[in-house]
Amino acid sequence: MGLRTFLTDAWSWLNYKPAMAATLDGRPHRALAPELRATWLPDDSIRRLAAYKLLSAYDCNQAGELATFTGNEAAAERREFGDPSTFVDTALAHLLGKTQQIIVPGAEHAKDEDATPEAMAAAAMQQQLRDWAEAELLPLRMQAAERKAVLLGDAVYLLAWDPAKGRVTLRTYDPGFYFPVLDDDADPGDYPSRVHLAWEIPENPRRGLKARVRRVTFELGPIAAGSADHEVTRRYPWAPDRPSTLTCYLSDAEWAVDDLRHGQTLDELPLDKATFRTRPDGQVLNRLDLVIDFIPVVHVSNTVDDGEHFGQSTLAKVMQALDELAETDTDSSRASATTGAPIIGLAGARAEVDRVTGRPKPLSVEPGTIFQLADGGRMDVLDTSEQLAELRARVEEIRDRAAVNARLPAVSLGTVDPTDVPSGYALQISLGPLDSLVDSMRLARAHKYALLLKMVQRLHQAGRAEGWPAGGTLAARLVFGPHMPTDRQAILDEVVKGVSAGVFSLETGIRMLQDAGYPIEDAREEVARITARDVATSRDQEARPPSSSAS
């Protein structure tokens, strides 16, 4: 009977799109070809990759172009003015804040007079991680990865030890290349024990190369033994007192697309048809033992896990509003054309005759044009200015509606005149939805960046890098800076009054100034400087003789 399928999943908010609805039965729409028609793709990845492609089209102002492939020919005239990209960039800017800083708890006590060895170790590790982040351009790579996460819902980091550089390298991958192998009964929040990074390489006729599939696989498994009945254990530098039987294997291979049969998914590609890559030192990358007991791949989701391994785009809830906005922009553009160059109806005008063809020439209206009208003639002008004004008001209404539903207030998008805000308190209230959005996005990432920094430490230990001692891994986290502008003068006045009145300590006041963006690197050093200056001032005043007045 051709019954329709109703499916609710992480990407069902795109089901209204013809290209996405076609993926309900596992077969992607031809508009998504050739990427999503590859036979090696897992069936459960079709909808995810289709969603990525649709979201990328919106980000690049190509949603109308993509819609023409689904039979909507009128979409070729669609006007797209970058509103989705603005929403993504705004959410990204507030997520990251002005600064990102690596913090190791306990490092702030390293300069105390009675500092413990643990505090000294925490401070040393904090400095090591910050030096690594600077060398590896961590803020720049975070910008690239997090924009993918905000737009598509997911981002992927890959860590690897580089002997030539003597440090861990960090790379970002498009989430469309990420294919974790998830067990049916596993918790979606659990870390997978097998991960593929795979993509298709197009053919190159000039070099005589056919289309290929490259698959980089990381897999946890027992340490290889000399005999089948002998279990091998290994003591890793980060857990010297706990023997482990697990290690991570790396495989990097290519397959010719012509050698793949239908039904062979990414996890089942034939090894006898594989061409394994080799490292510069000649090592074949076929189940290479990395001598670590974890997979050095970190998947970052944009939203808090609610039963799905993958995250959700910031644009998810406002996609239809963005479509309506583009359609209204298109109507407004058409109306502005008839307003700027109005349609004119002439009655009783004598048209000039073309001497060659003997036919009347088309009439055109230009500045200074004069028409001679017969008795009773008239000229009527079609005025569409009222419709244009209504459409422009409709555009603002839809944009405001989309901003509210995306939890990006108009003030955060820069569309509100600051003079229209009655008070700072009213501004703070209007930014409440943005606060909750940023808090939830940062919560979804907190443990992922803690995991990344843990892997950085362990890979340096495995590579026997200088300055990275063996032993337990120290907890480290990535702290994002404030996402909203602050009234620095008001905070300074508050600190001065609070410290002077003894309401809070000088240390608390210094931390408040740090949070407000004042260039204070170390709170304790700043307190020591202020205290030393006050002591010196007091001594000068005591040593100064009292002034006497002449009698």
Protein backbone atom coordinates (compact mmCIF):
# COMPACT_ATOMS: atom_id res chain seq x y z
CA MET A 1 0.00 0.00 0.00
CA GLY A 2 3.04 2.25 0.11
CA LEU A 3 2.63 3.21 3.75
CA ARG A 4 4.72 6.17 4.82
CA THR A 5 7.34 5.81 7.53
CA PHE A 6 7.38 8.03 10.58
CA LEU A 7 10.85 8.11 12.13
CA THR A 8 12.07 10.07 15.12
CA ASP A 9 15.81 10.18 15.58
CA ALA A 10 18.65 12.66 16.02
CA TRP A 11 18.06 14.06 12.52
CA SER A 12 14.27 13.86 12.21
CA TRP A 13 14.02 17.66 12.38
CA LEU A 14 15.13 17.57 8.72
CA ASN A 15 12.49 15.09 7.56
CA TYR A 16 10.51 17.88 5.91
CA LYS A 17 13.30 18.16 3.35
CA PRO A 18 12.71 15.91 0.30
CA ALA A 19 16.39 15.02 0.13
CA MET A 20 16.34 13.95 3.79
CA ALA A 21 12.98 12.20 3.68
CA ALA A 22 14.35 9.94 0.96
CA THR A 23 16.84 8.48 3.45
CA LEU A 24 14.09 6.97 5.61
CA ASP A 25 14.33 3.68 3.69
CA GLY A 26 18.14 3.68 3.65
CA ARG A 27 18.49 4.95 0.07
CA PRO A 28 19.70 8.55 -0.21
CA HIS A 29 18.21 11.00 -2.67
CA ARG A 30 20.11 11.47 -5.92
CA ALA A 31 20.76 15.08 -4.87
CA LEU A 32 23.11 13.71 -2.23
CA ALA A 33 25.06 11.59 -4.73
CA PRO A 34 27.74 10.52 -5.25
CA GLU A 35 29.00 10.83 -1.68
CA LEU A 36 26.06 9.10 -0.02
CA ARG A 37 25.48 6.43 -2.66
CA ALA A 38 28.78 4.68 -1.98
CA THR A 39 28.26 0.98 -1.28
CA TRP A 40 30.81 0.89 1.54
CA LEU A 41 28.95 3.36 3.77
CA PRO A 42 27.23 1.85 6.85
CA ASP A 43 23.46 2.06 6.61
CA ASP A 44 23.19 3.82 9.96
CA SER A 45 25.42 6.65 8.68
CA ILE A 46 23.31 7.64 5.67
CA ARG A 47 21.00 10.02 7.51
CA ARG A 48 23.81 11.56 9.53
CA LEU A 49 25.89 12.32 6.43
CA ALA A 50 22.82 13.61 4.60
CA ALA A 51 22.17 16.02 7.48
CA TYR A 52 25.79 17.20 7.33
CA LYS A 53 25.48 17.94 3.63
CA LEU A 54 22.23 19.85 4.03
CA LEU A 55 23.62 21.92 6.89
CA SER A 56 26.77 22.70 4.91
CA ALA A 57 24.59 23.90 2.04
CA TYR A 58 22.79 26.33 4.35
CA ASP A 59 26.11 27.58 5.71
CA CYS A 60 27.40 28.25 2.17
CA ASN A 61 24.17 29.87 0.87
CA GLN A 62 23.57 26.85 -1.38
CA ALA A 63 20.32 25.54 0.09
CA GLY A 64 18.38 26.77 -2.94
CA GLU A 65 20.85 25.19 -5.33
CA LEU A 66 20.51 21.86 -3.52
CA ALA A 67 16.71 22.13 -3.57
CA THR A 68 16.70 22.33 -7.38
CA PHE A 69 18.03 18.76 -7.47
CA THR A 70 14.91 17.57 -5.66
CA GLY A 71 12.61 19.02 -8.31
CA ASN A 72 12.04 22.54 -6.93
CA GLU A 73 13.08 24.54 -9.99
CA ALA A 74 11.87 27.82 -8.45
CA ALA A 75 14.53 27.44 -5.73
CA ALA A 76 17.17 28.53 -8.26
CA GLU A 77 15.95 32.12 -7.75
CA ARG A 78 16.08 31.85 -3.98
CA ARG A 79 17.85 34.68 -2.14
CA GLU A 80 20.13 33.61 0.72
CA PHE A 81 21.86 36.38 2.67
CA GLY A 82 23.96 34.40 5.16
CA ASP A 83 21.62 34.24 8.16
CA PRO A 84 22.48 30.60 9.02
CA SER A 85 26.19 31.40 8.94
CA THR A 86 25.61 34.40 11.21
CA PHE A 87 23.76 32.25 13.73
CA VAL A 88 26.59 29.69 13.73
CA ASP A 89 29.36 32.28 14.07
CA THR A 90 27.53 34.05 16.90
CA ALA A 91 26.99 30.82 18.85
CA LEU A 92 30.63 29.86 18.26
CA ALA A 93 31.96 33.19 19.51
CA HIS A 94 29.93 33.01 22.72
CA LEU A 95 30.85 29.36 23.26
CA LEU A 96 34.61 29.92 23.07
CA GLY A 97 34.64 33.27 24.82
CA LYS A 98 37.53 35.67 24.45
CA THR A 99 40.10 33.29 25.92
CA GLN A 100 40.66 29.60 26.54
CA GLN A 101 42.98 28.57 29.36
CA ILE A 102 44.29 25.22 30.56
CA ILE A 103 43.98 24.77 34.31
CA VAL A 104 45.43 22.00 36.50
CA PRO A 105 43.78 22.09 39.96
CA GLY A 106 46.29 22.73 42.70
CA ALA A 107 48.72 24.69 40.55
CA GLU A 108 47.60 27.97 42.14
CA HIS A 109 49.22 26.90 45.45
CA ALA A 110 52.67 26.24 43.96
CA LYS A 111 53.99 29.65 45.08
CA ASP A 112 52.81 29.37 48.66
CA GLU A 113 55.46 29.32 51.34
CA ASP A 114 54.34 25.83 52.41
CA ALA A 115 53.70 24.54 48.88
CA THR A 116 53.35 20.75 48.69
CA PRO A 117 55.08 18.52 46.10
CA GLU A 118 51.65 17.87 44.58
CA ALA A 119 51.11 21.61 44.03
CA MET A 120 54.57 21.93 42.46
CA ALA A 121 53.85 18.98 40.13
CA ALA A 122 50.47 20.47 39.17
CA ALA A 123 52.08 23.83 38.32
CA ALA A 124 54.79 22.13 36.24
CA MET A 125 52.22 20.07 34.32
CA GLN A 126 50.03 23.13 33.78
CA GLN A 127 52.95 24.97 32.21
CA GLN A 128 53.84 21.93 30.08
CA LEU A 129 50.30 21.70 28.73
CA ARG A 130 50.14 25.43 28.03
CA ASP A 131 53.47 25.30 26.17
CA TRP A 132 52.20 22.36 24.14
CA ALA A 133 48.95 24.17 23.32
CA GLU A 134 50.88 27.20 22.10
CA ALA A 135 53.22 25.10 19.95
CA GLU A 136 50.36 23.08 18.50
CA LEU A 137 48.12 26.13 17.85
CA LEU A 138 45.34 24.74 19.99
CA PRO A 139 43.10 27.89 19.89
CA LEU A 140 43.26 27.94 16.08
CA ARG A 141 42.44 24.24 15.80
CA MET A 142 39.62 24.65 18.28
CA GLN A 143 38.10 27.37 16.11
CA ALA A 144 38.05 25.00 13.13
CA ALA A 145 36.74 22.00 15.06
CA GLU A 146 34.16 23.84 17.15
CA ARG A 147 32.65 25.55 14.14
CA LYS A 148 32.00 22.09 12.72
CA ALA A 149 30.45 21.08 16.03
CA VAL A 150 28.16 24.12 16.21
CA LEU A 151 27.11 23.80 12.56
CA LEU A 152 26.94 20.02 12.11
CA GLY A 153 26.61 18.85 15.68
CA ASP A 154 29.93 16.98 15.84
CA ALA A 155 33.70 17.52 15.67
CA VAL A 156 36.65 15.12 15.74
CA TYR A 157 40.21 15.51 17.07
CA LEU A 158 43.03 13.07 16.35
CA LEU A 159 46.17 12.96 18.53
CA ALA A 160 49.44 11.33 17.49
CA TRP A 161 53.02 11.22 18.74
CA ASP A 162 55.50 12.83 16.31
CA PRO A 163 59.10 11.71 17.03
CA ALA A 164 60.54 14.36 14.69
CA LYS A 165 58.84 17.23 16.56
CA GLY A 166 59.20 15.58 19.94
CA ARG A 167 55.61 16.35 20.90
CA VAL A 168 52.05 15.27 20.38
CA THR A 169 50.40 16.62 17.23
CA LEU A 170 46.73 17.54 17.02
CA ARG A 171 44.59 17.34 13.87
CA THR A 172 40.94 18.02 13.24
CA TYR A 173 38.75 15.91 10.96
CA ASP A 174 35.43 16.50 9.32
CA PRO A 175 32.81 14.50 11.29
CA GLY A 176 31.66 13.03 7.98
CA PHE A 177 34.86 10.94 8.07
CA TYR A 178 34.13 9.60 11.56
CA PHE A 179 32.59 6.12 11.83
CA PRO A 180 32.62 4.61 15.33
CA VAL A 181 31.68 0.97 15.72
CA LEU A 182 29.00 1.04 18.42
CA ASP A 183 27.65 -2.11 20.04
CA ASP A 184 23.90 -2.52 20.01
CA ASP A 185 23.67 -2.87 23.79
CA ALA A 186 26.32 -0.27 24.63
CA ASP A 187 25.68 3.03 26.32
CA PRO A 188 25.90 5.74 23.62
CA GLY A 189 28.06 7.75 26.00
CA ASP A 190 30.64 4.96 26.28
CA TYR A 191 33.91 5.23 24.42
CA PRO A 192 33.92 2.87 21.39
CA SER A 193 36.60 0.19 21.19
CA ARG A 194 36.88 0.47 17.39
CA VAL A 195 36.87 3.69 15.35
CA HIS A 196 37.23 4.25 11.61
CA LEU A 197 38.23 7.46 9.85
CA ALA A 198 37.29 6.87 6.23
CA TRP A 199 36.70 8.79 3.04
CA GLU A 200 36.54 8.22 -0.71
CA ILE A 201 39.36 9.48 -2.93
CA PRO A 202 38.10 10.38 -6.43
CA GLU A 203 39.78 8.94 -9.48
CA ASN A 204 42.64 10.79 -11.15
CA PRO A 205 42.79 9.93 -14.87
CA ARG A 206 45.93 12.00 -15.40
CA ARG A 207 47.85 9.86 -12.92
CA GLY A 208 46.05 6.67 -13.85
CA LEU A 209 44.50 6.26 -10.40
CA LYS A 210 41.05 4.75 -9.88
CA ALA A 211 38.57 5.81 -7.23
CA ARG A 212 39.67 4.48 -3.85
CA VAL A 213 38.43 4.22 -0.29
CA ARG A 214 40.88 5.02 2.49
CA ARG A 215 40.22 3.69 5.96
CA VAL A 216 42.26 4.54 9.08
CA THR A 217 41.27 2.19 11.90
CA PHE A 218 42.02 2.40 15.62
CA GLU A 219 41.09 -0.70 17.60
CA LEU A 220 41.57 -1.82 21.19
CA GLY A 221 42.55 -5.46 21.60
CA PRO A 222 44.67 -7.90 23.60
CA ILE A 223 48.42 -7.45 23.36
CA ALA A 224 49.76 -9.84 20.73
CA ALA A 225 51.38 -12.92 22.28
CA GLY A 226 53.93 -15.39 20.98
CA SER A 227 51.56 -18.28 21.58
CA ALA A 228 47.80 -18.49 21.71
CA ASP A 229 47.67 -19.80 25.29
CA HIS A 230 49.83 -17.04 26.79
CA GLU A 231 48.38 -13.72 27.97
CA VAL A 232 50.71 -10.74 27.71
CA THR A 233 50.52 -7.83 30.11
CA ARG A 234 52.17 -4.44 29.92
CA ARG A 235 52.78 -1.67 32.47
CA TYR A 236 52.15 1.74 30.99
CA PRO A 237 53.98 4.85 32.31
CA TRP A 238 50.73 6.41 33.58
CA ALA A 239 49.79 3.28 35.57
CA PRO A 240 53.04 1.57 36.62
CA ASP A 241 51.31 -0.38 39.39
CA ARG A 242 48.48 -1.72 37.24
CA PRO A 243 49.36 -4.23 34.49
CA SER A 244 47.18 -4.05 31.38
CA THR A 245 46.38 -6.62 28.70
CA LEU A 246 45.02 -4.06 26.21
CA THR A 247 46.72 -2.04 23.51
CA CYS A 248 45.62 0.10 20.56
CA TYR A 249 46.26 -1.10 17.02
CA LEU A 250 46.48 1.21 14.01
CA SER A 251 45.72 0.18 10.43
CA ASP A 252 45.82 2.47 7.41
CA ALA A 253 44.77 0.96 4.08
CA GLU A 254 43.16 1.73 0.72
CA TRP A 255 40.75 -0.24 -1.45
CA ALA A 256 39.83 0.29 -5.08
CA VAL A 257 36.10 1.01 -5.28
CA ASP A 258 35.81 -1.47 -8.15
CA ASP A 259 37.04 -4.25 -5.83
CA LEU A 260 34.23 -3.74 -3.35
CA ARG A 261 31.06 -5.77 -3.60
CA HIS A 262 27.60 -4.56 -2.65
CA GLY A 263 26.83 -5.33 0.96
CA GLN A 264 30.41 -4.97 2.19
CA THR A 265 30.23 -2.20 4.76
CA LEU A 266 33.12 -0.15 6.05
CA ASP A 267 33.77 -2.54 8.92
CA GLU A 268 33.84 -5.57 6.59
CA LEU A 269 36.16 -4.51 3.76
CA PRO A 270 38.18 -7.48 2.41
CA LEU A 271 41.72 -7.44 3.76
CA ASP A 272 42.99 -9.47 0.79
CA LYS A 273 42.14 -6.51 -1.49
CA ALA A 274 43.68 -3.89 0.80
CA THR A 275 46.82 -1.89 0.08
CA PHE A 276 48.36 -0.92 3.41
CA ARG A 277 50.24 2.32 3.74
CA THR A 278 53.77 2.55 5.12
CA ARG A 279 55.43 5.11 7.36
CA PRO A 280 58.55 7.03 6.26
CA ASP A 281 60.64 4.54 8.27
CA GLY A 282 59.23 1.63 6.26
CA GLN A 283 56.81 0.34 8.93
CA VAL A 284 53.69 -1.17 7.36
CA LEU A 285 50.53 0.21 8.98
CA ASN A 286 48.75 -3.12 9.41
CA ARG A 287 47.65 -3.55 13.03
CA LEU A 288 50.60 -1.51 14.26
CA ASP A 289 50.86 -1.65 18.06
CA LEU A 290 50.80 1.96 19.30
CA VAL A 291 51.81 0.90 22.84
CA ILE A 292 48.92 2.80 24.43
CA ASP A 293 45.73 1.44 25.99
CA PHE A 294 43.32 4.04 24.55
CA ILE A 295 42.12 5.25 21.14
CA PRO A 296 43.63 8.73 20.49
CA VAL A 297 40.45 10.05 18.86
CA VAL A 298 38.20 12.54 20.66
CA HIS A 299 34.66 13.08 19.39
CA VAL A 300 33.07 16.35 20.53
CA SER A 301 29.28 16.69 20.40
CA ASN A 302 27.54 20.03 20.36
CA THR A 303 24.77 18.98 22.74
CA VAL A 304 24.54 16.95 25.92
CA ASP A 305 24.15 13.24 25.16
CA ASP A 306 20.49 12.18 25.39
CA GLY A 307 20.77 8.63 24.09
CA GLU A 308 22.52 9.39 20.80
CA HIS A 309 26.26 9.18 20.28
CA PHE A 310 26.17 12.18 17.97
CA GLY A 311 25.23 15.78 18.73
CA GLN A 312 22.71 18.19 17.26
CA SER A 313 23.32 21.34 15.27
CA THR A 314 22.59 24.76 16.75
CA LEU A 315 20.38 25.35 13.69
CA ALA A 316 18.28 22.22 14.30
CA LYS A 317 15.24 23.91 15.82
CA VAL A 318 15.15 26.86 13.42
CA MET A 319 15.69 25.25 10.01
CA GLN A 320 12.13 25.89 8.85
CA ALA A 321 12.33 29.48 10.11
CA LEU A 322 15.50 29.93 8.04
CA ASP A 323 13.67 28.58 4.99
CA GLU A 324 10.81 31.00 5.60
CA LEU A 325 13.31 33.83 6.01
CA ALA A 326 14.98 33.03 2.69
CA GLU A 327 11.63 32.83 0.90
CA THR A 328 10.54 36.18 2.37
CA ASP A 329 13.88 37.71 1.36
CA THR A 330 13.23 36.41 -2.15
CA ASP A 331 9.74 37.95 -2.25
CA SER A 332 11.13 41.20 -0.88
CA SER A 333 13.78 41.27 -3.59
CA ARG A 334 11.15 40.80 -6.27
CA ALA A 335 8.93 43.48 -4.76
CA SER A 336 11.84 45.92 -4.56
CA ALA A 337 12.42 45.40 -8.29
CA THR A 338 8.89 46.51 -9.14
CA THR A 339 9.13 49.37 -6.67
CA GLY A 340 12.42 50.72 -8.03
CA ALA A 341 11.40 50.15 -11.66
CA PRO A 342 7.59 50.22 -11.52
CA ILE A 343 5.28 48.69 -14.08
CA ILE A 344 3.69 51.45 -16.18
CA GLY A 345 0.53 51.18 -18.25
CA LEU A 346 0.05 53.68 -21.10
CA ALA A 347 -3.19 54.42 -22.92
CA GLY A 348 -3.31 56.67 -26.00
CA ALA A 349 0.47 56.76 -26.57
CA ARG A 350 1.89 56.65 -30.07
CA ALA A 351 4.78 54.23 -30.32
CA GLU A 352 7.72 54.90 -32.64
CA VAL A 353 7.82 52.61 -35.69
CA ASP A 354 10.95 50.63 -36.61
CA ARG A 355 11.78 51.63 -40.22
CA VAL A 356 13.30 48.23 -40.99
CA THR A 357 10.61 45.93 -39.67
CA GLY A 358 7.69 48.34 -39.78
CA ARG A 359 6.68 47.29 -36.28
CA PRO A 360 6.26 49.57 -33.25
CA LYS A 361 9.35 49.77 -31.05
CA PRO A 362 9.02 48.64 -27.40
CA LEU A 363 8.49 51.51 -25.01
CA SER A 364 11.05 52.11 -22.27
CA VAL A 365 11.04 54.53 -19.37
CA GLU A 366 14.22 56.44 -18.64
CA PRO A 367 14.96 59.74 -16.91
CA GLY A 368 13.76 62.57 -19.17
CA THR A 369 11.44 60.34 -21.24
CA ILE A 370 8.41 62.19 -22.70
CA PHE A 371 5.31 60.42 -24.04
CA GLN A 372 2.79 62.13 -26.25
CA LEU A 373 -0.68 60.98 -25.30
CA ALA A 374 -3.83 61.37 -27.36
CA ASP A 375 -7.00 62.89 -26.02
CA GLY A 376 -8.22 60.75 -23.13
CA GLY A 377 -4.84 59.04 -22.79
CA ARG A 378 -3.43 58.23 -19.37
CA MET A 379 -0.46 56.66 -17.60
CA ASP A 380 -0.99 54.24 -14.66
CA VAL A 381 1.88 53.23 -12.34
CA LEU A 382 1.79 50.05 -10.25
CA ASP A 383 2.84 51.05 -6.72
CA THR A 384 4.22 48.08 -4.70
CA SER A 385 5.90 50.11 -1.97
CA GLU A 386 3.30 49.09 0.63
CA GLN A 387 3.83 45.40 -0.09
CA LEU A 388 7.59 45.92 0.11
CA ALA A 389 7.26 47.53 3.53
CA GLU A 390 5.12 44.62 4.72
CA LEU A 391 7.67 42.10 3.46
CA ARG A 392 10.52 43.90 5.18
CA ALA A 393 8.57 43.89 8.43
CA ARG A 394 7.92 40.19 7.91
CA VAL A 395 11.65 39.57 7.49
CA GLU A 396 12.40 41.21 10.82
CA GLU A 397 9.59 39.25 12.48
CA ILE A 398 10.91 35.90 11.23
CA ARG A 399 14.50 36.78 12.10
CA ASP A 400 13.47 37.69 15.65
CA ARG A 401 11.45 34.46 15.94
CA ALA A 402 14.41 32.39 14.76
CA ALA A 403 16.76 34.19 17.16
CA VAL A 404 14.43 33.51 20.11
CA ASN A 405 14.07 29.82 19.28
CA ALA A 406 17.82 29.45 18.74
CA ARG A 407 18.41 31.19 22.11
CA LEU A 408 20.47 33.87 20.40
CA PRO A 409 18.90 37.19 21.50
CA ALA A 410 18.92 40.07 19.06
CA VAL A 411 21.41 41.94 21.25
CA SER A 412 23.90 39.08 20.80
CA LEU A 413 23.42 39.19 17.01
CA GLY A 414 24.18 42.92 16.97
CA THR A 415 20.77 43.90 15.60
CA VAL A 416 19.74 46.03 18.60
CA ASP A 417 20.71 49.65 19.04
CA PRO A 418 22.44 49.94 22.46
CA THR A 419 20.54 53.15 23.11
CA ASP A 420 17.28 51.18 22.95
CA VAL A 421 18.22 49.13 26.02
CA PRO A 422 16.68 50.83 29.08
CA SER A 423 19.25 49.57 31.62
CA GLY A 424 22.07 47.12 32.19
CA TYR A 425 19.71 44.97 34.26
CA ALA A 426 17.29 44.71 31.34
CA LEU A 427 20.20 43.79 29.08
CA GLN A 428 21.26 41.07 31.53
CA ILE A 429 17.75 39.60 31.58
CA SER A 430 17.54 39.60 27.78
CA LEU A 431 20.76 37.59 27.64
CA GLY A 432 19.37 34.88 29.94
CA PRO A 433 18.56 32.42 27.11
CA LEU A 434 22.06 32.89 25.73
CA ASP A 435 23.53 32.09 29.14
CA SER A 436 21.66 28.78 29.29
CA LEU A 437 22.69 27.93 25.72
CA VAL A 438 26.38 28.57 26.41
CA ASP A 439 26.24 26.68 29.71
CA SER A 440 24.73 23.59 28.07
CA MET A 441 27.21 23.68 25.17
CA ARG A 442 30.18 24.02 27.53
CA LEU A 443 28.84 21.24 29.74
CA ALA A 444 28.71 18.90 26.74
CA ARG A 445 32.38 19.63 26.04
CA ALA A 446 33.87 19.74 29.54
CA HIS A 447 34.72 16.04 29.88
CA LYS A 448 35.79 15.76 26.23
CA TYR A 449 38.51 18.40 26.59
CA ALA A 450 39.54 16.90 29.94
CA LEU A 451 39.92 13.59 28.08
CA LEU A 452 41.93 15.26 25.32
CA LEU A 453 44.36 16.80 27.82
CA LYS A 454 44.69 13.44 29.57
CA MET A 455 45.61 11.83 26.24
CA VAL A 456 48.17 14.57 25.58
CA GLN A 457 49.91 13.76 28.85
CA ARG A 458 49.90 10.01 28.26
CA LEU A 459 51.15 10.23 24.67
CA HIS A 460 54.06 12.39 25.83
CA GLN A 461 54.79 9.81 28.52
CA ALA A 462 54.62 6.99 25.96
CA GLY A 463 57.00 8.93 23.71
CA ARG A 464 59.39 9.50 26.64
CA ALA A 465 59.29 13.24 26.05
CA GLU A 466 61.57 15.35 28.21
CA GLY A 467 59.81 17.06 31.10
CA TRP A 468 56.83 14.68 31.12
CA PRO A 469 57.53 12.35 34.05
CA ALA A 470 55.99 8.92 34.42
CA GLY A 471 53.22 8.47 36.95
CA GLY A 472 49.54 9.04 37.34
CA THR A 473 47.85 11.45 34.97
CA LEU A 474 46.95 14.80 36.53
CA ALA A 475 43.45 16.13 36.05
CA ALA A 476 43.41 19.10 33.70
CA ARG A 477 40.56 21.05 32.20
CA LEU A 478 40.00 23.72 29.58
CA VAL A 479 38.36 26.87 30.93
CA PHE A 480 36.54 29.17 28.52
CA GLY A 481 36.56 32.90 29.12
CA PRO A 482 33.46 35.05 29.72
CA HIS A 483 31.11 35.06 26.77
CA MET A 484 29.50 38.43 27.47
CA PRO A 485 31.01 41.90 27.70
CA THR A 486 31.45 43.18 31.23
CA ASP A 487 31.32 46.66 32.70
CA ARG A 488 34.94 46.73 33.85
CA GLN A 489 34.68 50.13 35.54
CA ALA A 490 31.67 49.00 37.59
CA ILE A 491 33.48 45.84 38.68
CA LEU A 492 36.60 47.85 39.59
CA ASP A 493 34.52 50.18 41.75
CA GLU A 494 32.84 47.19 43.37
CA VAL A 495 36.19 45.57 44.16
CA VAL A 496 37.65 48.76 45.64
CA LYS A 497 34.62 49.30 47.87
CA GLY A 498 34.38 45.65 48.88
CA VAL A 499 38.06 45.28 49.80
CA SER A 500 38.17 48.64 51.60
CA ALA A 501 35.10 47.76 53.66
CA GLY A 502 36.46 44.30 54.45
CA VAL A 503 33.46 42.58 52.85
CA PHE A 504 35.73 40.23 50.90
CA SER A 505 39.46 39.56 50.73
CA LEU A 506 42.00 41.09 48.42
CA GLU A 507 42.50 37.69 46.77
CA THR A 508 38.79 37.50 45.90
CA GLY A 509 38.90 41.03 44.49
CA ILE A 510 41.88 40.15 42.28
CA ARG A 511 40.06 37.10 40.93
CA MET A 512 37.02 39.27 40.15
CA LEU A 513 39.27 41.60 38.17
CA GLN A 514 40.76 38.62 36.32
CA ASP A 515 37.29 37.39 35.35
CA ALA A 516 36.44 40.92 34.14
CA GLY A 517 39.34 40.79 31.70
CA TYR A 518 42.01 42.83 33.47
CA PRO A 519 45.55 41.74 32.42
CA ILE A 520 46.45 39.96 35.66
CA GLU A 521 48.30 36.71 34.96
CA ASP A 522 48.81 35.42 38.51
CA ALA A 523 46.46 36.42 41.33
CA ARG A 524 48.92 35.53 44.09
CA GLU A 525 51.76 37.50 42.54
CA GLU A 526 49.45 40.50 42.17
CA VAL A 527 48.42 40.23 45.83
CA ALA A 528 52.11 40.03 46.85
CA ARG A 529 52.93 43.16 44.82
CA ILE A 530 50.05 45.11 46.34
CA THR A 531 50.94 43.97 49.86
CA ALA A 532 54.63 44.86 49.40
CA ARG A 533 53.69 48.28 48.06
CA ASP A 534 51.37 48.96 51.02
CA VAL A 535 54.09 47.92 53.49
CA ALA A 536 56.63 50.19 51.78
CA THR A 537 54.18 53.09 51.83
CA SER A 538 53.49 52.59 55.53
CA ARG A 539 57.23 52.58 56.33
CA ASP A 540 57.77 55.80 54.39
CA GLN A 541 54.96 57.48 56.27
CA GLU A 542 56.36 56.33 59.63
CA ALA A 543 59.89 57.51 58.78
CA ARG A 544 58.70 60.94 57.61
CA PRO A 545 58.99 63.60 60.43
CA PRO A 546 55.77 65.34 61.43
CA SER A 547 55.31 68.75 59.85
CA SER A 548 55.37 71.80 62.16
CA SER A 549 53.70 75.12 61.55
CA ALA A 550 55.42 78.47 62.30
CA SER A 551 54.16 80.20 65.43
